[in-house]
PDB file of N, CA and C in Angstrom:
ATOM      1  N   UNK A   1      -6.635   1.757  -2.314  1.00  0.00           N
ATOM      2  CA  UNK A   1      -5.369   1.073  -2.338  1.00  0.00           C
ATOM      3  C   UNK A   1      -5.541  -0.308  -2.950  1.00  0.00           C
ATOM      4  N   UNK A   2      -4.465  -0.765  -3.550  1.00  0.00           N
ATOM      5  CA  UNK A   2      -4.518  -2.111  -4.101  1.00  0.00           C
ATOM      6  C   UNK A   2      -3.957  -3.112  -3.079  1.00  0.00           C
ATOM      7  N   UNK A   3      -3.790  -4.337  -3.487  1.00  0.00           N
ATOM      8  CA  UNK A   3      -3.345  -5.381  -2.574  1.00  0.00           C
ATOM      9  C   UNK A   3      -1.899  -5.210  -2.097  1.00  0.00           C
ATOM     10  N   UNK A   4      -1.144  -4.331  -2.750  1.00  0.00           N
ATOM     11  CA  UNK A   4       0.226  -4.049  -2.337  1.00  0.00           C
ATOM     12  C   UNK A   4       0.290  -2.829  -1.430  1.00  0.00           C
ATOM     13  N   UNK A   5      -0.870  -2.347  -0.997  1.00  0.00           N
ATOM     14  CA  UNK A   5      -0.986  -1.156  -0.147  1.00  0.00           C
ATOM     15  C   UNK A   5      -0.440   0.084  -0.832  1.00  0.00           C
ATOM     16  N   UNK A   6      -0.555   0.149  -2.147  1.00  0.00           N
ATOM     17  CA  UNK A   6      -0.147   1.304  -2.939  1.00  0.00           C
ATOM     18  C   UNK A   6      -1.419   1.958  -3.470  1.00  0.00           C
ATOM     19  N   UNK A   7      -1.443   3.285  -3.435  1.00  0.00           N
ATOM     20  CA  UNK A   7      -2.613   4.028  -3.890  1.00  0.00           C
ATOM     21  C   UNK A   7      -2.926   3.696  -5.345  1.00  0.00           C
ATOM     22  N   UNK A   8      -4.169   3.359  -5.623  1.00  0.00           N
ATOM     23  CA  UNK A   8      -4.598   3.068  -6.990  1.00  0.00           C
ATOM     24  C   UNK A   8      -4.970   4.381  -7.670  1.00  0.00           C
ATOM     25  N   UNK A   9      -4.311   4.657  -8.785  1.00  0.00           N
ATOM     26  CA  UNK A   9      -4.621   5.873  -9.524  1.00  0.00           C
ATOM     27  C   UNK A   9      -4.089   5.762 -10.941  1.00  0.00           C
ATOM     28  N   UNK A  10      -4.489   6.659 -11.776  1.00  0.00           N
ATOM     29  CA  UNK A  10      -4.000   6.697 -13.142  1.00  0.00           C
ATOM     30  C   UNK A  10      -4.841   5.873 -14.100  1.00  0.00           C
ATOM     31  N   UNK A  11      -4.354   5.721 -15.320  1.00  0.00           N
ATOM     32  CA  UNK A  11      -5.150   5.061 -16.361  1.00  0.00           C
ATOM     33  C   UNK A  11      -5.372   3.566 -16.113  1.00  0.00           C
ATOM     34  N   UNK A  12      -4.553   2.959 -15.258  1.00  0.00           N
ATOM     35  CA  UNK A  12      -4.684   1.518 -15.001  1.00  0.00           C
ATOM     36  C   UNK A  12      -5.363   1.223 -13.667  1.00  0.00           C
ATOM     37  N   UNK A  13      -5.938   2.233 -13.042  1.00  0.00           N
ATOM     38  CA  UNK A  13      -6.594   2.060 -11.742  1.00  0.00           C
ATOM     39  C   UNK A  13      -7.639   0.956 -11.794  1.00  0.00           C
ATOM     40  N   UNK A  14      -7.549   0.042 -10.846  1.00  0.00           N
ATOM     41  CA  UNK A  14      -8.530  -1.033 -10.748  1.00  0.00           C
ATOM     42  C   UNK A  14      -8.293  -2.203 -11.682  1.00  0.00           C
ATOM     43  N   UNK A  15      -7.180  -2.200 -12.387  1.00  0.00           N
ATOM     44  CA  UNK A  15      -6.874  -3.310 -13.285  1.00  0.00           C
ATOM     45  C   UNK A  15      -5.591  -3.997 -12.822  1.00  0.00           C
ATOM     46  N   UNK A  16      -5.333  -5.173 -13.338  1.00  0.00           N
ATOM     47  CA  UNK A  16      -4.106  -5.870 -12.970  1.00  0.00           C
ATOM     48  C   UNK A  16      -2.869  -5.164 -13.518  1.00  0.00           C
ATOM     49  N   UNK A  17      -3.027  -4.311 -14.511  1.00  0.00           N
ATOM     50  CA  UNK A  17      -1.891  -3.589 -15.085  1.00  0.00           C
ATOM     51  C   UNK A  17      -1.266  -2.627 -14.081  1.00  0.00           C
ATOM     52  N   UNK A  18      -2.026  -2.189 -13.071  1.00  0.00           N
ATOM     53  CA  UNK A  18      -1.461  -1.254 -12.098  1.00  0.00           C
ATOM     54  C   UNK A  18      -0.356  -1.897 -11.256  1.00  0.00           C
ATOM     55  N   UNK A  19      -0.283  -3.204 -11.212  1.00  0.00           N
ATOM     56  CA  UNK A  19       0.755  -3.888 -10.444  1.00  0.00           C
ATOM     57  C   UNK A  19       2.113  -3.867 -11.153  1.00  0.00           C
ATOM     58  N   UNK A  20       2.137  -3.468 -12.409  1.00  0.00           N
ATOM     59  CA  UNK A  20       3.389  -3.410 -13.171  1.00  0.00           C
ATOM     60  C   UNK A  20       4.161  -2.121 -12.916  1.00  0.00           C
ATOM     61  N   UNK A  21       3.527  -1.127 -12.319  1.00  0.00           N
ATOM     62  CA  UNK A  21       4.171   0.156 -12.098  1.00  0.00           C
ATOM     63  C   UNK A  21       4.868   0.244 -10.757  1.00  0.00           C
ATOM     64  N   UNK A  22       5.569   1.340 -10.566  1.00  0.00           N
ATOM     65  CA  UNK A  22       6.278   1.582  -9.309  1.00  0.00           C
ATOM     66  C   UNK A  22       5.363   2.335  -8.360  1.00  0.00           C
ATOM     67  N   UNK A  23       5.615   2.198  -7.100  1.00  0.00           N
ATOM     68  CA  UNK A  23       4.843   2.911  -6.099  1.00  0.00           C
ATOM     69  C   UNK A  23       5.430   2.688  -4.729  1.00  0.00           C
ATOM     70  N   UNK A  24       4.893   3.406  -3.767  1.00  0.00           N
ATOM     71  CA  UNK A  24       5.339   3.278  -2.383  1.00  0.00           C
ATOM     72  C   UNK A  24       4.173   2.843  -1.517  1.00  0.00           C
ATOM     73  N   UNK A  25       4.475   2.036  -0.515  1.00  0.00           N
ATOM     74  CA  UNK A  25       3.447   1.629   0.436  1.00  0.00           C
ATOM     75  C   UNK A  25       2.957   2.887   1.149  1.00  0.00           C
ATOM     76  N   UNK A  26       1.644   3.012   1.280  1.00  0.00           N
ATOM     77  CA  UNK A  26       1.038   4.169   1.913  1.00  0.00           C
ATOM     78  C   UNK A  26       1.562   4.338   3.343  1.00  0.00           C
ATOM     79  N   UNK A  27       1.897   5.573   3.730  1.00  0.00           N
ATOM     80  CA  UNK A  27       2.473   5.864   5.046  1.00  0.00           C
ATOM     81  C   UNK A  27       1.561   5.401   6.184  1.00  0.00           C
ATOM     82  N   UNK A  28       0.270   5.524   6.023  1.00  0.00           N
ATOM     83  CA  UNK A  28      -0.666   5.106   7.077  1.00  0.00           C
ATOM     84  C   UNK A  28      -0.555   3.607   7.346  1.00  0.00           C
ATOM     85  N   UNK A  29      -0.346   2.821   6.304  1.00  0.00           N
ATOM     86  CA  UNK A  29      -0.193   1.370   6.461  1.00  0.00           C
ATOM     87  C   UNK A  29       1.091   1.074   7.232  1.00  0.00           C
ATOM     88  N   UNK A  30       2.186   1.735   6.863  1.00  0.00           N
ATOM     89  CA  UNK A  30       3.462   1.534   7.550  1.00  0.00           C
ATOM     90  C   UNK A  30       3.331   1.908   9.017  1.00  0.00           C
ATOM     91  N   UNK A  31       2.696   3.045   9.304  1.00  0.00           N
ATOM     92  CA  UNK A  31       2.506   3.483  10.686  1.00  0.00           C
ATOM     93  C   UNK A  31       1.662   2.489  11.484  1.00  0.00           C
ATOM     94  N   UNK A  32       0.605   1.965  10.878  1.00  0.00           N
ATOM     95  CA  UNK A  32      -0.253   0.992  11.567  1.00  0.00           C
ATOM     96  C   UNK A  32       0.506  -0.294  11.888  1.00  0.00           C
ATOM     97  N   UNK A  33       1.292  -0.782  10.937  1.00  0.00           N
ATOM     98  CA  UNK A  33       2.060  -2.015  11.159  1.00  0.00           C
ATOM     99  C   UNK A  33       3.125  -1.782  12.222  1.00  0.00           C
ATOM    100  N   UNK A  34       3.813  -0.644  12.143  1.00  0.00           N
ATOM    101  CA  UNK A  34       4.839  -0.327  13.156  1.00  0.00           C
ATOM    102  C   UNK A  34       4.216  -0.234  14.546  1.00  0.00           C
ATOM    103  N   UNK A  35       3.065   0.405  14.646  1.00  0.00           N
ATOM    104  CA  UNK A  35       2.389   0.510  15.932  1.00  0.00           C
ATOM    105  C   UNK A  35       2.010  -0.856  16.477  1.00  0.00           C
ATOM    106  N   UNK A  36       1.541  -1.726  15.618  1.00  0.00           N
ATOM    107  CA  UNK A  36       1.182  -3.081  16.032  1.00  0.00           C
ATOM    108  C   UNK A  36       2.403  -3.821  16.575  1.00  0.00           C
ATOM    109  N   UNK A  37       3.504  -3.735  15.837  1.00  0.00           N
ATOM    110  CA  UNK A  37       4.727  -4.430  16.245  1.00  0.00           C
ATOM    111  C   UNK A  37       5.261  -3.865  17.557  1.00  0.00           C
ATOM    112  N   UNK A  38       5.306  -2.550  17.690  1.00  0.00           N
ATOM    113  CA  UNK A  38       5.870  -1.927  18.880  1.00  0.00           C
ATOM    114  C   UNK A  38       5.022  -2.139  20.126  1.00  0.00           C
ATOM    115  N   UNK A  39       3.734  -2.391  19.953  1.00  0.00           N
ATOM    116  CA  UNK A  39       2.851  -2.608  21.101  1.00  0.00           C
ATOM    117  C   UNK A  39       2.772  -4.055  21.543  1.00  0.00           C
ATOM    118  N   UNK A  40       3.432  -4.957  20.820  1.00  0.00           N
ATOM    119  CA  UNK A  40       3.447  -6.370  21.226  1.00  0.00           C
ATOM    120  C   UNK A  40       4.566  -6.592  22.210  1.00  0.00           C
ATOM    121  N   UNK A  41       4.250  -7.133  23.350  1.00  0.00           N
ATOM    122  CA  UNK A  41       5.306  -7.455  24.310  1.00  0.00           C
ATOM    123  C   UNK A  41       4.929  -8.635  25.161  1.00  0.00           C
TER     124      UNK A  41
END
């Protein structure tokens, strides 16, 4: 994953050019953040 929590793949993998494309935050990251938030009380 890159710094935006998007899977790095394709011809621009590992380069700054990969930040110019579209992508979705990995589901595992979303689940981890949600779990952290929901467990704070």
